[in-house]
Amino acid sequence: MDKIEANNLLDFYGCLLTDKQRAICDYYYREDYSLNEIAEMEGVSRSAVYDTVKRCDKELAEYEEKLHNAGAYRKRMQLYEMIRKQGNEEINALLDKCIETETE
């Protein structure tokens, strides 16, 4: 899984991971720490960090496969932009409100 996709899935499903898993994934995907740096900070082996990242990748992908939240979000954003191109100021203001509810 690439880092962009992992970040997107963490936004949707990160709360379903354990605190330790979420911390390691945040370090790895969001803060771009190396496996060795994370291992040092967490006081575990490099292979433990690697295993955790791979396990989380699998879990996040499974959540998306079952729930489709990230994919549905991307589709809605694309549709909002298509509507925005066709809309006037009043419609665009309503779209802005819709988009705000998506990111709350």
N, C-alpha and C. Protein backbone atom coordinates (compact mmCIF):
# COMPACT_ATOMS: atom_id res chain seq x y z
N MET A 1 0.85 -1.17 0.00
CA MET A 1 0.00 0.00 0.00
C MET A 1 0.90 1.23 0.00
N ASP A 2 0.57 2.20 -0.85
CA ASP A 2 1.41 3.41 -0.86
C ASP A 2 1.02 4.33 0.29
N LYS A 3 1.88 5.30 0.56
CA LYS A 3 1.70 6.15 1.73
C LYS A 3 0.47 7.04 1.62
N ILE A 4 0.14 7.48 0.44
CA ILE A 4 -1.04 8.34 0.27
C ILE A 4 -2.31 7.55 0.61
N GLU A 5 -2.42 6.36 0.06
CA GLU A 5 -3.59 5.52 0.34
C GLU A 5 -3.64 5.16 1.82
N ALA A 6 -2.51 4.84 2.41
CA ALA A 6 -2.48 4.51 3.84
C ALA A 6 -2.94 5.68 4.68
N ASN A 7 -2.50 6.89 4.34
CA ASN A 7 -2.95 8.08 5.07
C ASN A 7 -4.45 8.27 4.95
N ASN A 8 -4.98 8.07 3.76
CA ASN A 8 -6.43 8.20 3.56
C ASN A 8 -7.18 7.18 4.42
N LEU A 9 -6.71 5.95 4.41
CA LEU A 9 -7.39 4.91 5.19
C LEU A 9 -7.23 5.16 6.69
N LEU A 10 -6.09 5.69 7.10
CA LEU A 10 -5.91 6.05 8.51
C LEU A 10 -6.91 7.12 8.94
N ASP A 11 -7.19 8.06 8.05
CA ASP A 11 -8.18 9.09 8.36
C ASP A 11 -9.54 8.47 8.67
N PHE A 12 -9.90 7.45 7.93
CA PHE A 12 -11.22 6.83 8.10
C PHE A 12 -11.25 5.76 9.18
N TYR A 13 -10.20 4.96 9.26
CA TYR A 13 -10.25 3.77 10.11
C TYR A 13 -9.19 3.73 11.20
N GLY A 14 -8.39 4.76 11.33
CA GLY A 14 -7.33 4.76 12.33
C GLY A 14 -7.86 4.55 13.74
N CYS A 15 -9.05 5.04 14.00
CA CYS A 15 -9.63 4.89 15.34
C CYS A 15 -9.95 3.43 15.67
N LEU A 16 -9.96 2.56 14.68
CA LEU A 16 -10.24 1.14 14.90
C LEU A 16 -8.98 0.35 15.23
N LEU A 17 -7.82 0.98 15.08
CA LEU A 17 -6.55 0.34 15.45
C LEU A 17 -6.29 0.54 16.93
N THR A 18 -5.41 -0.26 17.48
CA THR A 18 -5.01 -0.03 18.88
C THR A 18 -4.19 1.26 18.95
N ASP A 19 -4.05 1.78 20.14
CA ASP A 19 -3.25 3.00 20.31
C ASP A 19 -1.82 2.80 19.80
N LYS A 20 -1.25 1.65 20.12
CA LYS A 20 0.14 1.34 19.69
C LYS A 20 0.21 1.25 18.17
N GLN A 21 -0.73 0.56 17.55
CA GLN A 21 -0.75 0.44 16.09
C GLN A 21 -0.89 1.82 15.45
N ARG A 22 -1.81 2.60 15.96
CA ARG A 22 -2.05 3.93 15.40
C ARG A 22 -0.81 4.80 15.53
N ALA A 23 -0.15 4.74 16.68
CA ALA A 23 1.07 5.55 16.87
C ALA A 23 2.14 5.15 15.88
N ILE A 24 2.36 3.86 15.71
CA ILE A 24 3.39 3.39 14.78
C ILE A 24 3.04 3.79 13.35
N CYS A 25 1.79 3.64 12.97
CA CYS A 25 1.38 4.03 11.61
C CYS A 25 1.48 5.53 11.40
N ASP A 26 1.14 6.30 12.42
CA ASP A 26 1.30 7.75 12.30
C ASP A 26 2.76 8.13 12.10
N TYR A 27 3.64 7.52 12.89
CA TYR A 27 5.07 7.79 12.71
C TYR A 27 5.52 7.42 11.30
N TYR A 28 5.10 6.26 10.85
CA TYR A 28 5.58 5.74 9.57
C TYR A 28 4.97 6.47 8.38
N TYR A 29 3.66 6.60 8.37
CA TYR A 29 3.00 7.16 7.20
C TYR A 29 2.87 8.68 7.23
N ARG A 30 2.59 9.24 8.39
CA ARG A 30 2.33 10.68 8.44
C ARG A 30 3.57 11.50 8.73
N GLU A 31 4.45 10.96 9.56
CA GLU A 31 5.64 11.72 9.93
C GLU A 31 6.89 11.24 9.21
N ASP A 32 6.76 10.19 8.43
CA ASP A 32 7.81 9.68 7.56
C ASP A 32 9.08 9.24 8.31
N TYR A 33 8.89 8.68 9.49
CA TYR A 33 10.02 8.11 10.22
C TYR A 33 10.37 6.76 9.61
N SER A 34 11.63 6.38 9.73
CA SER A 34 12.06 5.06 9.25
C SER A 34 11.66 4.01 10.27
N LEU A 35 11.69 2.76 9.84
CA LEU A 35 11.39 1.66 10.75
C LEU A 35 12.35 1.65 11.93
N ASN A 36 13.62 1.91 11.66
CA ASN A 36 14.63 1.95 12.73
C ASN A 36 14.35 3.07 13.73
N GLU A 37 13.97 4.25 13.24
CA GLU A 37 13.68 5.37 14.13
C GLU A 37 12.48 5.06 15.02
N ILE A 38 11.46 4.48 14.43
CA ILE A 38 10.26 4.13 15.20
C ILE A 38 10.60 3.07 16.25
N ALA A 39 11.37 2.07 15.85
CA ALA A 39 11.76 1.02 16.79
C ALA A 39 12.48 1.61 17.99
N GLU A 40 13.37 2.54 17.73
CA GLU A 40 14.11 3.19 18.82
C GLU A 40 13.17 3.95 19.75
N MET A 41 12.25 4.73 19.16
CA MET A 41 11.32 5.53 19.96
C MET A 41 10.37 4.65 20.78
N GLU A 42 9.95 3.55 20.19
CA GLU A 42 8.98 2.67 20.85
C GLU A 42 9.63 1.59 21.71
N GLY A 43 10.93 1.46 21.63
CA GLY A 43 11.63 0.46 22.43
C GLY A 43 11.34 -0.97 22.01
N VAL A 44 11.19 -1.16 20.70
CA VAL A 44 10.93 -2.50 20.16
C VAL A 44 11.89 -2.74 19.00
N SER A 45 11.85 -3.93 18.45
CA SER A 45 12.75 -4.25 17.33
C SER A 45 12.21 -3.67 16.02
N ARG A 46 13.11 -3.53 15.07
CA ARG A 46 12.73 -3.06 13.74
C ARG A 46 11.71 -4.01 13.13
N SER A 47 11.91 -5.31 13.31
CA SER A 47 10.99 -6.28 12.72
C SER A 47 9.61 -6.20 13.36
N ALA A 48 9.54 -5.83 14.64
CA ALA A 48 8.23 -5.66 15.29
C ALA A 48 7.49 -4.47 14.67
N VAL A 49 8.22 -3.41 14.39
CA VAL A 49 7.60 -2.25 13.74
C VAL A 49 7.14 -2.62 12.34
N TYR A 50 7.99 -3.31 11.60
CA TYR A 50 7.65 -3.75 10.24
C TYR A 50 6.38 -4.61 10.27
N ASP A 51 6.35 -5.58 11.18
CA ASP A 51 5.18 -6.46 11.29
C ASP A 51 3.92 -5.67 11.63
N THR A 52 4.06 -4.71 12.50
CA THR A 52 2.90 -3.88 12.88
C THR A 52 2.39 -3.08 11.70
N VAL A 53 3.30 -2.48 10.95
CA VAL A 53 2.89 -1.69 9.78
C VAL A 53 2.18 -2.59 8.77
N LYS A 54 2.73 -3.75 8.50
CA LYS A 54 2.12 -4.67 7.53
C LYS A 54 0.76 -5.17 8.02
N ARG A 55 0.66 -5.47 9.31
CA ARG A 55 -0.61 -5.93 9.88
C ARG A 55 -1.66 -4.82 9.78
N CYS A 56 -1.25 -3.60 10.05
CA CYS A 56 -2.17 -2.46 9.96
C CYS A 56 -2.60 -2.22 8.52
N ASP A 57 -1.65 -2.34 7.58
CA ASP A 57 -2.01 -2.20 6.16
C ASP A 57 -3.13 -3.17 5.81
N LYS A 58 -2.96 -4.40 6.25
CA LYS A 58 -3.95 -5.44 5.96
C LYS A 58 -5.29 -5.10 6.61
N GLU A 59 -5.26 -4.70 7.87
CA GLU A 59 -6.49 -4.37 8.58
C GLU A 59 -7.20 -3.19 7.94
N LEU A 60 -6.45 -2.14 7.61
CA LEU A 60 -7.05 -0.96 6.99
C LEU A 60 -7.68 -1.31 5.64
N ALA A 61 -6.99 -2.12 4.85
CA ALA A 61 -7.53 -2.54 3.56
C ALA A 61 -8.80 -3.37 3.74
N GLU A 62 -8.82 -4.21 4.75
CA GLU A 62 -10.01 -5.03 5.01
C GLU A 62 -11.18 -4.16 5.44
N TYR A 63 -10.93 -3.15 6.28
CA TYR A 63 -12.00 -2.23 6.67
C TYR A 63 -12.58 -1.54 5.44
N GLU A 64 -11.70 -1.08 4.56
CA GLU A 64 -12.19 -0.38 3.36
C GLU A 64 -12.95 -1.34 2.46
N GLU A 65 -12.47 -2.56 2.34
CA GLU A 65 -13.15 -3.55 1.50
C GLU A 65 -14.57 -3.81 2.00
N LYS A 66 -14.74 -3.80 3.30
CA LYS A 66 -16.06 -4.08 3.89
C LYS A 66 -16.94 -2.85 3.97
N LEU A 67 -16.36 -1.69 4.29
CA LEU A 67 -17.16 -0.51 4.59
C LEU A 67 -17.21 0.52 3.45
N HIS A 68 -16.18 0.58 2.63
CA HIS A 68 -16.13 1.47 1.46
C HIS A 68 -16.24 2.96 1.79
N ASN A 69 -15.89 3.35 3.01
CA ASN A 69 -16.02 4.76 3.38
C ASN A 69 -15.08 5.68 2.61
N ALA A 70 -13.84 5.29 2.45
CA ALA A 70 -12.87 6.15 1.76
C ALA A 70 -13.23 6.28 0.28
N GLY A 71 -13.60 5.19 -0.35
CA GLY A 71 -13.99 5.24 -1.76
C GLY A 71 -15.23 6.08 -1.98
N ALA A 72 -16.22 5.93 -1.11
CA ALA A 72 -17.45 6.71 -1.22
C ALA A 72 -17.16 8.20 -1.02
N TYR A 73 -16.27 8.50 -0.10
CA TYR A 73 -15.88 9.90 0.14
C TYR A 73 -15.26 10.50 -1.12
N ARG A 74 -14.33 9.76 -1.74
CA ARG A 74 -13.68 10.26 -2.96
C ARG A 74 -14.71 10.51 -4.06
N LYS A 75 -15.66 9.60 -4.21
CA LYS A 75 -16.70 9.77 -5.23
C LYS A 75 -17.55 11.00 -4.95
N ARG A 76 -17.92 11.19 -3.68
CA ARG A 76 -18.72 12.38 -3.34
C ARG A 76 -17.96 13.66 -3.64
N MET A 77 -16.67 13.68 -3.32
CA MET A 77 -15.87 14.88 -3.59
C MET A 77 -15.81 15.17 -5.09
N GLN A 78 -15.68 14.12 -5.90
CA GLN A 78 -15.67 14.31 -7.35
C GLN A 78 -17.01 14.87 -7.83
N LEU A 79 -18.09 14.33 -7.29
CA LEU A 79 -19.42 14.83 -7.68
C LEU A 79 -19.62 16.27 -7.23
N TYR A 80 -19.17 16.61 -6.05
CA TYR A 80 -19.28 18.00 -5.59
C TYR A 80 -18.56 18.94 -6.55
N GLU A 81 -17.39 18.53 -7.00
CA GLU A 81 -16.65 19.39 -7.93
C GLU A 81 -17.35 19.50 -9.28
N MET A 82 -17.96 18.43 -9.73
CA MET A 82 -18.72 18.48 -10.99
C MET A 82 -19.91 19.41 -10.85
N ILE A 83 -20.59 19.35 -9.73
CA ILE A 83 -21.74 20.23 -9.48
C ILE A 83 -21.25 21.67 -9.39
N ARG A 84 -20.12 21.88 -8.71
CA ARG A 84 -19.59 23.24 -8.56
C ARG A 84 -19.34 23.89 -9.92
N LYS A 85 -18.84 23.12 -10.86
CA LYS A 85 -18.57 23.66 -12.20
C LYS A 85 -19.85 24.08 -12.92
N GLN A 86 -20.96 23.46 -12.57
CA GLN A 86 -22.24 23.76 -13.20
C GLN A 86 -23.06 24.78 -12.43
N GLY A 87 -22.70 25.00 -11.16
CA GLY A 87 -23.54 25.77 -10.26
C GLY A 87 -23.30 27.26 -10.28
N ASN A 88 -24.18 27.94 -9.54
CA ASN A 88 -24.05 29.38 -9.34
C ASN A 88 -23.59 29.62 -7.90
N GLU A 89 -23.56 30.86 -7.46
CA GLU A 89 -23.06 31.18 -6.12
C GLU A 89 -23.87 30.49 -5.03
N GLU A 90 -25.18 30.46 -5.19
CA GLU A 90 -26.05 29.86 -4.17
C GLU A 90 -25.79 28.35 -4.06
N ILE A 91 -25.68 27.70 -5.19
CA ILE A 91 -25.39 26.26 -5.19
C ILE A 91 -24.00 26.00 -4.62
N ASN A 92 -23.04 26.82 -5.00
CA ASN A 92 -21.68 26.65 -4.50
C ASN A 92 -21.60 26.85 -2.98
N ALA A 93 -22.41 27.77 -2.45
CA ALA A 93 -22.45 27.97 -1.00
C ALA A 93 -23.00 26.72 -0.31
N LEU A 94 -24.02 26.12 -0.89
CA LEU A 94 -24.57 24.87 -0.34
C LEU A 94 -23.55 23.73 -0.44
N LEU A 95 -22.83 23.69 -1.54
CA LEU A 95 -21.78 22.68 -1.69
C LEU A 95 -20.71 22.84 -0.61
N ASP A 96 -20.34 24.08 -0.34
CA ASP A 96 -19.34 24.32 0.71
C ASP A 96 -19.83 23.77 2.05
N LYS A 97 -21.11 23.94 2.34
CA LYS A 97 -21.67 23.40 3.58
C LYS A 97 -21.63 21.88 3.58
N CYS A 98 -21.93 21.27 2.44
CA CYS A 98 -21.85 19.80 2.32
C CYS A 98 -20.43 19.32 2.57
N ILE A 99 -19.48 19.99 1.96
CA ILE A 99 -18.08 19.59 2.10
C ILE A 99 -17.62 19.78 3.55
N GLU A 100 -18.09 20.83 4.21
CA GLU A 100 -17.73 21.04 5.62
C GLU A 100 -18.21 19.87 6.47
N THR A 101 -19.40 19.36 6.19
CA THR A 101 -19.89 18.22 6.99
C THR A 101 -19.07 16.97 6.73
N GLU A 102 -18.47 16.86 5.58
CA GLU A 102 -17.64 15.71 5.25
C GLU A 102 -16.35 15.68 6.05
N THR A 103 -15.86 16.85 6.41
CA THR A 103 -14.55 16.93 7.06
C THR A 103 -14.62 17.19 8.55
N GLU A 104 -15.81 17.19 9.12
CA GLU A 104 -15.96 17.43 10.57
C GLU A 104 -15.55 16.23 11.36
